[in-house]
Amino acid sequence: MKFVRTISIILAASLIGLIGCSEKTAREEELEKKVDYLEQQIDKYKKEEEEEKKKEEKPIVVNVVDPNTKKMLKTFYPKDMGFETNFEKYKAEIENWAKSLARGTETTAGYDQRMIPDRIGKNGQIIKGRPRVILEESELTEKVIKASEKGGTVGLPLYVTKSGYKPEEVPHLGEVVVASYTTYFNSGVSGRTRNIELSAQAINNVIIGVQDIFSFNTTVGPSDAAHGYQKAEEAVNGKLVMGIGGGICQTSSTLYNAVDKLNVAYIEKHHHSVNVGYVPKGRDATVSYGGLDFRFQNTTGVPLLLKAYVKKGSLTVEVRTSKANQTLLKK
């Protein structure tokens, strides 16, 4: 284009030089028309060059959007952030942002969500919980970095995992007890008894599908006064003190000793800071909503059903499945 422009200018100058002073011949008028045309072409080429220059100067932008809501979450300007001059710093900044987006901050909830398991209602109906949602941080980082070369839009890599069971299996999941455990407590202590009852009700009739990750805290929920929990002794920093929800650790520990008889994989498990009397030493699983949790993955190869019974002074947790699944349990 620059070559054409140069030729046009030279030709135009030559034509102008051929034109006389006062009297114009037909030939001169024709040449003037050609000069006008060439000047128009030169202006056109100038505008095109300016537009191309603007395109070249247009900054590279990376937009990150939520694929479900189509909401714009973040806009990155790679050049300004050092993509070309300090790549490691740029990558670290993207990684930290992806981590906060997935896991959340003190003021903002993250995209990652633990599964709330489905359960069986009083009439045998399935009460739906919530699937597991994971935002793959490393994949998001890689996508943003790749898009930083030329710009573009990046959708969040969200992975949703539903519970691993079939609805037609549900009526049969309570047929066979494949593991159980019983612990005992003083039923005369009303607060502790009530807390055990509430937490046992929360895990009763819960379905744990194949490869599901069970979280005690997510399943039971807050053990506070607003949810009916009462004051009772609990272990804090090596001492027994009074606190709302004291006693729910007996439920989590009873559950642990039941599922420990099966082929499950532990994701998170903690011991108390003091010895507890309801299970042997080292066989407890302490929990604290918003803090320590008891989590395991169902790697038995079959869906399971939890049952929890509170009688006068005793708590029993059973793990059940169907007769057909009993022979398929992985040892």
C-alpha atoms as a PDB file:
ATOM      1  CA  MET A   1       0.000   0.000   0.000  1.00  0.00           C
ATOM      2  CA  LYS A   2       2.888   2.387   0.824  1.00  0.00           C
ATOM      3  CA  PHE A   3       4.386   1.624  -2.620  1.00  0.00           C
ATOM      4  CA  VAL A   4       1.109   2.534  -4.369  1.00  0.00           C
ATOM      5  CA  ARG A   5       0.849   5.696  -2.360  1.00  0.00           C
ATOM      6  CA  THR A   6       4.387   6.768  -3.351  1.00  0.00           C
ATOM      7  CA  ILE A   7       3.738   6.139  -7.043  1.00  0.00           C
ATOM      8  CA  SER A   8       0.476   8.079  -6.832  1.00  0.00           C
ATOM      9  CA  ILE A   9       2.192  11.106  -5.327  1.00  0.00           C
ATOM     10  CA  ILE A  10       4.930  11.125  -8.008  1.00  0.00           C
ATOM     11  CA  LEU A  11       2.387  10.776 -10.802  1.00  0.00           C
ATOM     12  CA  ALA A  12       0.239  13.533  -9.362  1.00  0.00           C
ATOM     13  CA  ALA A  13       3.200  15.907  -9.151  1.00  0.00           C
ATOM     14  CA  SER A  14       4.160  15.157 -12.735  1.00  0.00           C
ATOM     15  CA  LEU A  15       0.678  15.854 -14.005  1.00  0.00           C
ATOM     16  CA  ILE A  16       0.460  19.133 -12.105  1.00  0.00           C
ATOM     17  CA  GLY A  17       3.705  20.288 -13.723  1.00  0.00           C
ATOM     18  CA  LEU A  18       2.268  19.767 -17.177  1.00  0.00           C
ATOM     19  CA  ILE A  19      -0.626  22.155 -16.664  1.00  0.00           C
ATOM     20  CA  GLY A  20      -0.246  25.670 -18.166  1.00  0.00           C
ATOM     21  CA  CYS A  21      -1.030  29.013 -16.593  1.00  0.00           C
ATOM     22  CA  SER A  22      -4.116  30.816 -17.940  1.00  0.00           C
ATOM     23  CA  GLU A  23      -5.600  29.049 -20.880  1.00  0.00           C
ATOM     24  CA  LYS A  24      -6.596  25.419 -20.394  1.00  0.00           C
ATOM     25  CA  THR A  25      -6.701  23.011 -23.241  1.00  0.00           C
ATOM     26  CA  ALA A  26      -8.877  19.963 -23.289  1.00  0.00           C
ATOM     27  CA  ARG A  27      -5.783  17.934 -22.540  1.00  0.00           C
ATOM     28  CA  GLU A  28      -5.020  20.028 -19.456  1.00  0.00           C
ATOM     29  CA  GLU A  29      -8.572  19.693 -18.127  1.00  0.00           C
ATOM     30  CA  GLU A  30      -8.330  15.952 -18.530  1.00  0.00           C
ATOM     31  CA  LEU A  31      -5.061  15.970 -16.603  1.00  0.00           C
ATOM     32  CA  GLU A  32      -6.617  18.043 -13.807  1.00  0.00           C
ATOM     33  CA  LYS A  33      -9.400  15.484 -13.446  1.00  0.00           C
ATOM     34  CA  LYS A  34      -6.800  12.766 -13.174  1.00  0.00           C
ATOM     35  CA  VAL A  35      -4.955  14.750 -10.504  1.00  0.00           C
ATOM     36  CA  ASP A  36      -8.185  15.155  -8.508  1.00  0.00           C
ATOM     37  CA  TYR A  37      -8.839  11.446  -8.761  1.00  0.00           C
ATOM     38  CA  LEU A  38      -5.314  10.603  -7.642  1.00  0.00           C
ATOM     39  CA  GLU A  39      -5.582  12.995  -4.690  1.00  0.00           C
ATOM     40  CA  GLN A  40      -8.805  11.251  -3.637  1.00  0.00           C
ATOM     41  CA  GLN A  41      -7.033   7.908  -3.875  1.00  0.00           C
ATOM     42  CA  ILE A  42      -4.159   9.218  -1.771  1.00  0.00           C
ATOM     43  CA  ASP A  43      -6.627  10.388   0.917  1.00  0.00           C
ATOM     44  CA  LYS A  44      -8.249   6.976   0.822  1.00  0.00           C
ATOM     45  CA  TYR A  45      -4.911   5.236   1.268  1.00  0.00           C
ATOM     46  CA  LYS A  46      -4.068   7.551   4.175  1.00  0.00           C
ATOM     47  CA  LYS A  47      -7.286   6.660   5.983  1.00  0.00           C
ATOM     48  CA  GLU A  48      -6.702   2.947   5.422  1.00  0.00           C
ATOM     49  CA  GLU A  49      -3.165   3.228   6.809  1.00  0.00           C
ATOM     50  CA  GLU A  50      -4.452   5.078   9.878  1.00  0.00           C
ATOM     51  CA  GLU A  51      -7.099   2.402  10.505  1.00  0.00           C
ATOM     52  CA  GLU A  52      -4.493  -0.356  10.204  1.00  0.00           C
ATOM     53  CA  LYS A  53      -2.260   1.480  12.638  1.00  0.00           C
ATOM     54  CA  LYS A  54      -5.120   1.768  15.124  1.00  0.00           C
ATOM     55  CA  LYS A  55      -5.756  -1.970  14.835  1.00  0.00           C
ATOM     56  CA  GLU A  56      -2.107  -2.676  15.496  1.00  0.00           C
ATOM     57  CA  GLU A  57      -2.156  -0.430  18.553  1.00  0.00           C
ATOM     58  CA  LYS A  58      -5.390  -1.919  19.979  1.00  0.00           C
ATOM     59  CA  PRO A  59      -4.509  -3.511  23.379  1.00  0.00           C
ATOM     60  CA  ILE A  60      -4.818  -7.264  23.920  1.00  0.00           C
ATOM     61  CA  VAL A  61      -7.648  -7.997  26.355  1.00  0.00           C
ATOM     62  CA  VAL A  62      -8.655 -11.255  28.056  1.00  0.00           C
ATOM     63  CA  ASN A  63     -12.193 -11.492  29.431  1.00  0.00           C
ATOM     64  CA  VAL A  64     -13.209 -14.256  31.853  1.00  0.00           C
ATOM     65  CA  VAL A  65     -16.921 -15.159  31.963  1.00  0.00           C
ATOM     66  CA  ASP A  66     -19.151 -17.525  33.896  1.00  0.00           C
ATOM     67  CA  PRO A  67     -20.385 -20.086  31.315  1.00  0.00           C
ATOM     68  CA  ASN A  68     -23.711 -20.491  33.111  1.00  0.00           C
ATOM     69  CA  THR A  69     -24.711 -16.892  33.765  1.00  0.00           C
ATOM     70  CA  LYS A  70     -22.595 -15.305  30.965  1.00  0.00           C
ATOM     71  CA  LYS A  71     -21.542 -12.748  33.566  1.00  0.00           C
ATOM     72  CA  MET A  72     -18.201 -11.001  33.014  1.00  0.00           C
ATOM     73  CA  LEU A  73     -16.032 -11.798  36.023  1.00  0.00           C
ATOM     74  CA  LYS A  74     -12.658 -10.275  35.199  1.00  0.00           C
ATOM     75  CA  THR A  75     -10.808  -8.387  32.466  1.00  0.00           C
ATOM     76  CA  PHE A  76      -7.043  -8.769  32.112  1.00  0.00           C
ATOM     77  CA  TYR A  77      -4.662  -6.506  30.188  1.00  0.00           C
ATOM     78  CA  PRO A  78      -1.656  -8.838  29.733  1.00  0.00           C
ATOM     79  CA  LYS A  79       0.776  -6.241  28.411  1.00  0.00           C
ATOM     80  CA  ASP A  80       0.143  -3.850  31.305  1.00  0.00           C
ATOM     81  CA  MET A  81       0.458  -6.721  33.796  1.00  0.00           C
ATOM     82  CA  GLY A  82       3.885  -7.809  32.529  1.00  0.00           C
ATOM     83  CA  PHE A  83       2.945 -10.791  30.362  1.00  0.00           C
ATOM     84  CA  GLU A  84       5.819 -10.010  27.980  1.00  0.00           C
ATOM     85  CA  THR A  85       8.317  -8.533  30.444  1.00  0.00           C
ATOM     86  CA  ASN A  86       7.843 -10.585  33.641  1.00  0.00           C
ATOM     87  CA  PHE A  87       6.007 -13.783  32.786  1.00  0.00           C
ATOM     88  CA  GLU A  88       6.528 -15.542  36.159  1.00  0.00           C
ATOM     89  CA  LYS A  89       5.032 -12.621  38.064  1.00  0.00           C
ATOM     90  CA  TYR A  90       2.117 -12.460  35.615  1.00  0.00           C
ATOM     91  CA  LYS A  91       1.470 -16.198  35.980  1.00  0.00           C
ATOM     92  CA  ALA A  92       1.606 -15.990  39.794  1.00  0.00           C
ATOM     93  CA  GLU A  93      -0.965 -13.190  39.767  1.00  0.00           C
ATOM     94  CA  ILE A  94      -3.324 -15.246  37.590  1.00  0.00           C
ATOM     95  CA  GLU A  95      -2.834 -18.311  39.832  1.00  0.00           C
ATOM     96  CA  ASN A  96      -3.661 -16.352  42.993  1.00  0.00           C
ATOM     97  CA  TRP A  97      -6.770 -14.884  41.384  1.00  0.00           C
ATOM     98  CA  ALA A  98      -7.929 -18.345  40.201  1.00  0.00           C
ATOM     99  CA  LYS A  99      -7.376 -19.743  43.708  1.00  0.00           C
ATOM    100  CA  SER A 100      -9.464 -16.995  45.321  1.00  0.00           C
ATOM    101  CA  LEU A 101     -12.205 -17.427  42.730  1.00  0.00           C
ATOM    102  CA  ALA A 102     -12.380 -21.188  43.326  1.00  0.00           C
ATOM    103  CA  ARG A 103     -12.016 -21.313  47.101  1.00  0.00           C
ATOM    104  CA  GLY A 104     -13.434 -17.941  48.056  1.00  0.00           C
ATOM    105  CA  THR A 105     -12.169 -15.272  50.426  1.00  0.00           C
ATOM    106  CA  GLU A 106     -13.207 -13.998  53.858  1.00  0.00           C
ATOM    107  CA  THR A 107     -15.914 -11.877  52.242  1.00  0.00           C
ATOM    108  CA  THR A 108     -16.770 -13.759  49.037  1.00  0.00           C
ATOM    109  CA  ALA A 109     -17.892 -17.354  48.505  1.00  0.00           C
ATOM    110  CA  GLY A 110     -15.922 -19.410  46.004  1.00  0.00           C
ATOM    111  CA  TYR A 111     -17.169 -21.540  43.128  1.00  0.00           C
ATOM    112  CA  ASP A 112     -16.061 -24.795  44.779  1.00  0.00           C
ATOM    113  CA  GLN A 113     -18.919 -26.528  46.584  1.00  0.00           C
ATOM    114  CA  ARG A 114     -18.866 -29.723  48.592  1.00  0.00           C
ATOM    115  CA  MET A 115     -21.602 -32.212  47.858  1.00  0.00           C
ATOM    116  CA  ILE A 116     -24.699 -32.210  50.022  1.00  0.00           C
ATOM    117  CA  PRO A 117     -25.817 -35.837  49.683  1.00  0.00           C
ATOM    118  CA  ASP A 118     -29.283 -36.868  48.624  1.00  0.00           C
ATOM    119  CA  ARG A 119     -31.395 -38.622  51.235  1.00  0.00           C
ATOM    120  CA  ILE A 120     -34.496 -40.782  51.503  1.00  0.00           C
ATOM    121  CA  GLY A 121     -37.600 -39.053  52.864  1.00  0.00           C
ATOM    122  CA  LYS A 122     -40.218 -40.488  55.236  1.00  0.00           C
ATOM    123  CA  ASN A 123     -42.328 -41.715  52.332  1.00  0.00           C
ATOM    124  CA  GLY A 124     -39.399 -43.245  50.468  1.00  0.00           C
ATOM    125  CA  GLN A 125     -38.989 -40.303  48.105  1.00  0.00           C
ATOM    126  CA  ILE A 126     -35.568 -38.984  47.116  1.00  0.00           C
ATOM    127  CA  ILE A 127     -34.783 -35.600  48.653  1.00  0.00           C
ATOM    128  CA  LYS A 128     -32.186 -33.973  46.452  1.00  0.00           C
ATOM    129  CA  GLY A 129     -29.086 -32.409  47.934  1.00  0.00           C
ATOM    130  CA  ARG A 130     -26.452 -30.559  45.909  1.00  0.00           C
ATOM    131  CA  PRO A 131     -23.836 -31.850  43.452  1.00  0.00           C
ATOM    132  CA  ARG A 132     -20.124 -31.326  43.951  1.00  0.00           C
ATOM    133  CA  VAL A 133     -18.739 -28.361  41.992  1.00  0.00           C
ATOM    134  CA  ILE A 134     -15.042 -27.832  41.309  1.00  0.00           C
ATOM    135  CA  LEU A 135     -13.407 -24.924  39.505  1.00  0.00           C
ATOM    136  CA  GLU A 136     -10.133 -26.281  38.112  1.00  0.00           C
ATOM    137  CA  GLU A 137      -7.658 -23.577  39.081  1.00  0.00           C
ATOM    138  CA  SER A 138      -4.706 -24.836  37.000  1.00  0.00           C
ATOM    139  CA  GLU A 139      -6.850 -25.207  33.895  1.00  0.00           C
ATOM    140  CA  LEU A 140      -8.239 -21.691  34.312  1.00  0.00           C
ATOM    141  CA  THR A 141      -4.704 -20.310  34.679  1.00  0.00           C
ATOM    142  CA  GLU A 142      -3.558 -22.093  31.517  1.00  0.00           C
ATOM    143  CA  LYS A 143      -6.535 -20.807  29.531  1.00  0.00           C
ATOM    144  CA  VAL A 144      -5.955 -17.198  30.584  1.00  0.00           C
ATOM    145  CA  ILE A 145      -2.236 -17.407  29.763  1.00  0.00           C
ATOM    146  CA  LYS A 146      -2.936 -18.900  26.342  1.00  0.00           C
ATOM    147  CA  ALA A 147      -5.517 -16.197  25.583  1.00  0.00           C
ATOM    148  CA  SER A 148      -3.009 -13.550  26.693  1.00  0.00           C
ATOM    149  CA  GLU A 149      -1.070 -13.980  23.435  1.00  0.00           C
ATOM    150  CA  LYS A 150      -3.812 -12.651  21.138  1.00  0.00           C
ATOM    151  CA  GLY A 151      -6.714 -11.824  23.458  1.00  0.00           C
ATOM    152  CA  GLY A 152     -10.123 -13.426  23.707  1.00  0.00           C
ATOM    153  CA  THR A 153     -12.797 -14.735  26.067  1.00  0.00           C
ATOM    154  CA  VAL A 154     -12.242 -17.533  28.582  1.00  0.00           C
ATOM    155  CA  GLY A 155     -15.059 -19.536  30.184  1.00  0.00           C
ATOM    156  CA  LEU A 156     -14.596 -20.930  33.694  1.00  0.00           C
ATOM    157  CA  PRO A 157     -13.699 -24.659  33.674  1.00  0.00           C
ATOM    158  CA  LEU A 158     -16.427 -25.827  36.063  1.00  0.00           C
ATOM    159  CA  TYR A 159     -16.887 -29.545  36.761  1.00  0.00           C
ATOM    160  CA  VAL A 160     -20.141 -30.731  38.330  1.00  0.00           C
ATOM    161  CA  THR A 161     -20.324 -34.228  39.852  1.00  0.00           C
ATOM    162  CA  LYS A 162     -23.692 -35.729  40.763  1.00  0.00           C
ATOM    163  CA  SER A 163     -24.125 -38.514  43.293  1.00  0.00           C
ATOM    164  CA  GLY A 164     -23.076 -41.940  41.997  1.00  0.00           C
ATOM    165  CA  TYR A 165     -26.248 -43.976  42.279  1.00  0.00           C
ATOM    166  CA  LYS A 166     -29.294 -44.805  40.171  1.00  0.00           C
ATOM    167  CA  PRO A 167     -32.790 -43.803  41.351  1.00  0.00           C
ATOM    168  CA  GLU A 168     -34.053 -47.346  40.810  1.00  0.00           C
ATOM    169  CA  GLU A 169     -31.510 -48.597  43.385  1.00  0.00           C
ATOM    170  CA  VAL A 170     -32.887 -46.468  46.214  1.00  0.00           C
ATOM    171  CA  PRO A 171     -35.787 -48.739  47.347  1.00  0.00           C
ATOM    172  CA  HIS A 172     -33.272 -51.554  47.903  1.00  0.00           C
ATOM    173  CA  LEU A 173     -30.389 -49.728  49.579  1.00  0.00           C
ATOM    174  CA  GLY A 174     -31.626 -50.530  53.087  1.00  0.00           C
ATOM    175  CA  GLU A 175     -31.803 -54.296  52.599  1.00  0.00           C
ATOM    176  CA  VAL A 176     -28.474 -55.386  54.102  1.00  0.00           C
ATOM    177  CA  VAL A 177     -26.345 -54.032  56.963  1.00  0.00           C
ATOM    178  CA  VAL A 178     -22.708 -54.252  55.842  1.00  0.00           C
ATOM    179  CA  ALA A 179     -21.172 -52.337  58.770  1.00  0.00           C
ATOM    180  CA  SER A 180     -22.287 -50.874  62.092  1.00  0.00           C
ATOM    181  CA  TYR A 181     -20.984 -49.432  65.345  1.00  0.00           C
ATOM    182  CA  THR A 182     -22.553 -48.475  68.685  1.00  0.00           C
ATOM    183  CA  THR A 183     -21.399 -46.003  71.323  1.00  0.00           C
ATOM    184  CA  TYR A 184     -22.934 -45.132  74.699  1.00  0.00           C
ATOM    185  CA  PHE A 185     -23.630 -41.922  76.630  1.00  0.00           C
ATOM    186  CA  ASN A 186     -25.388 -40.682  79.763  1.00  0.00           C
ATOM    187  CA  SER A 187     -28.938 -39.967  78.650  1.00  0.00           C
ATOM    188  CA  GLY A 188     -29.476 -37.982  81.867  1.00  0.00           C
ATOM    189  CA  VAL A 189     -27.383 -35.126  80.453  1.00  0.00           C
ATOM    190  CA  SER A 190     -30.107 -33.443  78.427  1.00  0.00           C
ATOM    191  CA  GLY A 191     -28.021 -30.995  76.384  1.00  0.00           C
ATOM    192  CA  ARG A 192     -25.543 -33.601  75.167  1.00  0.00           C
ATOM    193  CA  THR A 193     -28.341 -36.076  74.471  1.00  0.00           C
ATOM    194  CA  ARG A 194     -30.234 -33.541  72.385  1.00  0.00           C
ATOM    195  CA  ASN A 195     -27.137 -32.681  70.361  1.00  0.00           C
ATOM    196  CA  ILE A 196     -26.460 -36.342  69.601  1.00  0.00           C
ATOM    197  CA  GLU A 197     -30.082 -36.805  68.543  1.00  0.00           C
ATOM    198  CA  LEU A 198     -30.025 -33.830  66.151  1.00  0.00           C
ATOM    199  CA  SER A 199     -26.717 -34.775  64.505  1.00  0.00           C
ATOM    200  CA  ALA A 200     -27.830 -38.410  64.184  1.00  0.00           C
ATOM    201  CA  GLN A 201     -31.050 -37.294  62.479  1.00  0.00           C
ATOM    202  CA  ALA A 202     -28.957 -35.227  60.050  1.00  0.00           C
ATOM    203  CA  ILE A 203     -27.011 -38.266  58.777  1.00  0.00           C
ATOM    204  CA  ASN A 204     -29.900 -40.727  58.923  1.00  0.00           C
ATOM    205  CA  ASN A 205     -31.133 -41.982  55.514  1.00  0.00           C
ATOM    206  CA  VAL A 206     -28.306 -40.232  53.676  1.00  0.00           C
ATOM    207  CA  ILE A 207     -27.302 -41.819  50.347  1.00  0.00           C
ATOM    208  CA  ILE A 208     -23.581 -42.021  49.617  1.00  0.00           C
ATOM    209  CA  GLY A 209     -23.136 -42.905  45.951  1.00  0.00           C
ATOM    210  CA  VAL A 210     -20.121 -44.527  44.340  1.00  0.00           C
ATOM    211  CA  GLN A 211     -17.097 -42.180  44.547  1.00  0.00           C
ATOM    212  CA  ASP A 212     -19.127 -39.591  46.482  1.00  0.00           C
ATOM    213  CA  ILE A 213     -17.174 -37.565  49.054  1.00  0.00           C
ATOM    214  CA  PHE A 214     -19.095 -37.369  52.321  1.00  0.00           C
ATOM    215  CA  SER A 215     -18.511 -34.318  54.543  1.00  0.00           C
ATOM    216  CA  PHE A 216     -19.896 -34.490  58.076  1.00  0.00           C
ATOM    217  CA  ASN A 217     -19.996 -30.702  58.496  1.00  0.00           C
ATOM    218  CA  THR A 218     -21.668 -30.093  55.130  1.00  0.00           C
ATOM    219  CA  THR A 219     -24.245 -32.813  55.777  1.00  0.00           C
ATOM    220  CA  VAL A 220     -25.079 -31.920  59.378  1.00  0.00           C
ATOM    221  CA  GLY A 221     -24.779 -28.152  59.009  1.00  0.00           C
ATOM    222  CA  PRO A 222     -24.223 -25.576  61.775  1.00  0.00           C
ATOM    223  CA  SER A 223     -24.421 -26.970  65.309  1.00  0.00           C
ATOM    224  CA  ASP A 224     -25.645 -23.729  66.848  1.00  0.00           C
ATOM    225  CA  ALA A 225     -28.589 -22.572  68.954  1.00  0.00           C
ATOM    226  CA  ALA A 226     -30.467 -21.401  65.861  1.00  0.00           C
ATOM    227  CA  HIS A 227     -30.601 -25.036  64.724  1.00  0.00           C
ATOM    228  CA  GLY A 228     -31.713 -26.376  68.100  1.00  0.00           C
ATOM    229  CA  TYR A 229     -28.360 -27.389  69.568  1.00  0.00           C
ATOM    230  CA  GLN A 230     -27.794 -26.933  73.280  1.00  0.00           C
ATOM    231  CA  LYS A 231     -24.919 -26.372  75.703  1.00  0.00           C
ATOM    232  CA  ALA A 232     -22.874 -29.405  76.694  1.00  0.00           C
ATOM    233  CA  GLU A 233     -19.281 -30.324  77.454  1.00  0.00           C
ATOM    234  CA  GLU A 234     -16.858 -30.289  74.535  1.00  0.00           C
ATOM    235  CA  ALA A 235     -13.076 -30.588  74.171  1.00  0.00           C
ATOM    236  CA  VAL A 236     -11.301 -27.312  73.401  1.00  0.00           C
ATOM    237  CA  ASN A 237      -7.499 -26.979  73.509  1.00  0.00           C
ATOM    238  CA  GLY A 238      -7.074 -30.013  75.726  1.00  0.00           C
ATOM    239  CA  LYS A 239      -9.784 -29.058  78.197  1.00  0.00           C
ATOM    240  CA  LEU A 240     -13.450 -29.889  78.643  1.00  0.00           C
ATOM    241  CA  VAL A 241     -15.562 -26.734  78.509  1.00  0.00           C
ATOM    242  CA  MET A 242     -19.237 -25.949  78.032  1.00  0.00           C
ATOM    243  CA  GLY A 243     -20.218 -25.036  74.494  1.00  0.00           C
ATOM    244  CA  ILE A 244     -23.177 -25.102  72.122  1.00  0.00           C
ATOM    245  CA  GLY A 245     -23.236 -28.398  70.224  1.00  0.00           C
ATOM    246  CA  GLY A 246     -21.140 -30.462  72.598  1.00  0.00           C
ATOM    247  CA  GLY A 247     -21.706 -34.139  71.808  1.00  0.00           C
ATOM    248  CA  ILE A 248     -21.874 -34.076  68.009  1.00  0.00           C
ATOM    249  CA  CYS A 249     -18.340 -35.497  67.919  1.00  0.00           C
ATOM    250  CA  GLN A 250     -19.753 -38.705  69.345  1.00  0.00           C
ATOM    251  CA  THR A 251     -21.925 -38.942  66.233  1.00  0.00           C
ATOM    252  CA  SER A 252     -18.998 -38.299  63.887  1.00  0.00           C
ATOM    253  CA  SER A 253     -16.814 -40.765  65.794  1.00  0.00           C
ATOM    254  CA  THR A 254     -19.504 -43.454  65.752  1.00  0.00           C
ATOM    255  CA  LEU A 255     -19.894 -42.936  62.023  1.00  0.00           C
ATOM    256  CA  TYR A 256     -16.119 -43.189  61.547  1.00  0.00           C
ATOM    257  CA  ASN A 257     -15.923 -46.527  63.374  1.00  0.00           C
ATOM    258  CA  ALA A 258     -18.779 -47.889  61.257  1.00  0.00           C
ATOM    259  CA  VAL A 259     -17.447 -46.865  57.830  1.00  0.00           C
ATOM    260  CA  ASP A 260     -13.912 -47.874  58.831  1.00  0.00           C
ATOM    261  CA  LYS A 261     -15.031 -51.484  58.455  1.00  0.00           C
ATOM    262  CA  LEU A 262     -15.461 -50.843  54.725  1.00  0.00           C
ATOM    263  CA  ASN A 263     -13.154 -49.922  51.865  1.00  0.00           C
ATOM    264  CA  VAL A 264     -13.421 -46.145  52.067  1.00  0.00           C
ATOM    265  CA  ALA A 265     -10.735 -43.499  51.489  1.00  0.00           C
ATOM    266  CA  TYR A 266     -10.282 -40.791  54.119  1.00  0.00           C
ATOM    267  CA  ILE A 267     -10.035 -37.219  52.906  1.00  0.00           C
ATOM    268  CA  GLU A 268      -9.959 -35.517  56.322  1.00  0.00           C
ATOM    269  CA  LYS A 269      -9.928 -36.927  59.855  1.00  0.00           C
ATOM    270  CA  HIS A 270      -8.791 -35.425  63.180  1.00  0.00           C
ATOM    271  CA  HIS A 271      -8.480 -36.641  66.776  1.00  0.00           C
ATOM    272  CA  HIS A 272      -9.614 -34.824  69.907  1.00  0.00           C
ATOM    273  CA  SER A 273      -7.130 -32.945  72.073  1.00  0.00           C
ATOM    274  CA  VAL A 274      -8.207 -35.149  74.997  1.00  0.00           C
ATOM    275  CA  ASN A 275      -9.192 -38.794  75.324  1.00  0.00           C
ATOM    276  CA  VAL A 276     -12.911 -39.461  74.998  1.00  0.00           C
ATOM    277  CA  GLY A 277     -14.678 -42.240  76.800  1.00  0.00           C
ATOM    278  CA  TYR A 278     -17.141 -43.396  74.171  1.00  0.00           C
ATOM    279  CA  VAL A 279     -14.566 -44.913  71.746  1.00  0.00           C
ATOM    280  CA  PRO A 280     -11.101 -46.437  72.273  1.00  0.00           C
ATOM    281  CA  LYS A 281      -8.091 -44.122  72.173  1.00  0.00           C
ATOM    282  CA  GLY A 282      -7.278 -43.010  68.623  1.00  0.00           C
ATOM    283  CA  ARG A 283     -10.676 -44.117  67.294  1.00  0.00           C
ATOM    284  CA  ASP A 284     -12.383 -40.709  67.480  1.00  0.00           C
ATOM    285  CA  ALA A 285     -13.123 -38.178  64.719  1.00  0.00           C
ATOM    286  CA  THR A 286     -13.562 -34.637  66.016  1.00  0.00           C
ATOM    287  CA  VAL A 287     -15.473 -32.008  64.033  1.00  0.00           C
ATOM    288  CA  SER A 288     -16.210 -28.304  64.294  1.00  0.00           C
ATOM    289  CA  TYR A 289     -18.469 -26.527  61.832  1.00  0.00           C
ATOM    290  CA  GLY A 290     -16.415 -24.094  59.782  1.00  0.00           C
ATOM    291  CA  GLY A 291     -13.233 -25.819  60.971  1.00  0.00           C
ATOM    292  CA  LEU A 292     -12.194 -29.448  61.436  1.00  0.00           C
ATOM    293  CA  ASP A 293     -14.251 -31.900  59.401  1.00  0.00           C
ATOM    294  CA  PHE A 294     -14.611 -35.652  58.928  1.00  0.00           C
ATOM    295  CA  ARG A 295     -14.616 -36.511  55.226  1.00  0.00           C
ATOM    296  CA  PHE A 296     -14.298 -39.764  53.334  1.00  0.00           C
ATOM    297  CA  GLN A 297     -14.855 -41.046  49.804  1.00  0.00           C
ATOM    298  CA  ASN A 298     -17.023 -44.051  49.008  1.00  0.00           C
ATOM    299  CA  THR A 299     -14.554 -46.319  47.219  1.00  0.00           C
ATOM    300  CA  THR A 300     -16.492 -49.519  47.960  1.00  0.00           C
ATOM    301  CA  GLY A 301     -17.789 -49.743  44.385  1.00  0.00           C
ATOM    302  CA  VAL A 302     -21.469 -49.641  45.417  1.00  0.00           C
ATOM    303  CA  PRO A 303     -23.870 -46.963  46.725  1.00  0.00           C
ATOM    304  CA  LEU A 304     -24.424 -46.928  50.481  1.00  0.00           C
ATOM    305  CA  LEU A 305     -27.188 -45.818  52.836  1.00  0.00           C
ATOM    306  CA  LEU A 306     -26.537 -44.467  56.347  1.00  0.00           C
ATOM    307  CA  LYS A 307     -28.886 -45.230  59.213  1.00  0.00           C
ATOM    308  CA  ALA A 308     -28.533 -43.662  62.668  1.00  0.00           C
ATOM    309  CA  TYR A 309     -30.524 -44.717  65.757  1.00  0.00           C
ATOM    310  CA  VAL A 310     -30.557 -43.060  69.170  1.00  0.00           C
ATOM    311  CA  LYS A 311     -31.988 -45.116  72.013  1.00  0.00           C
ATOM    312  CA  LYS A 312     -31.796 -44.469  75.751  1.00  0.00           C
ATOM    313  CA  GLY A 313     -28.081 -43.987  76.286  1.00  0.00           C
ATOM    314  CA  SER A 314     -26.864 -45.443  72.985  1.00  0.00           C
ATOM    315  CA  LEU A 315     -26.126 -44.351  69.416  1.00  0.00           C
ATOM    316  CA  THR A 316     -25.871 -46.837  66.549  1.00  0.00           C
ATOM    317  CA  VAL A 317     -24.755 -46.011  63.028  1.00  0.00           C
ATOM    318  CA  GLU A 318     -25.345 -48.595  60.318  1.00  0.00           C
ATOM    319  CA  VAL A 319     -24.116 -48.676  56.740  1.00  0.00           C
ATOM    320  CA  ARG A 320     -26.447 -50.508  54.383  1.00  0.00           C
ATOM    321  CA  THR A 321     -26.770 -51.441  50.728  1.00  0.00           C
ATOM    322  CA  SER A 322     -28.889 -53.723  48.557  1.00  0.00           C
ATOM    323  CA  LYS A 323     -28.597 -57.527  48.520  1.00  0.00           C
ATOM    324  CA  ALA A 324     -27.449 -57.335  44.915  1.00  0.00           C
ATOM    325  CA  ASN A 325     -24.667 -54.913  45.843  1.00  0.00           C
ATOM    326  CA  GLN A 326     -23.484 -56.854  48.878  1.00  0.00           C
ATOM    327  CA  THR A 327     -21.420 -59.267  46.790  1.00  0.00           C
ATOM    328  CA  LEU A 328     -19.926 -56.390  44.798  1.00  0.00           C
ATOM    329  CA  LEU A 329     -18.402 -54.600  47.798  1.00  0.00           C
ATOM    330  CA  LYS A 330     -14.676 -54.065  47.360  1.00  0.00           C
ATOM    331  CA  LYS A 331     -12.678 -55.552  50.207  1.00  0.00           C
END
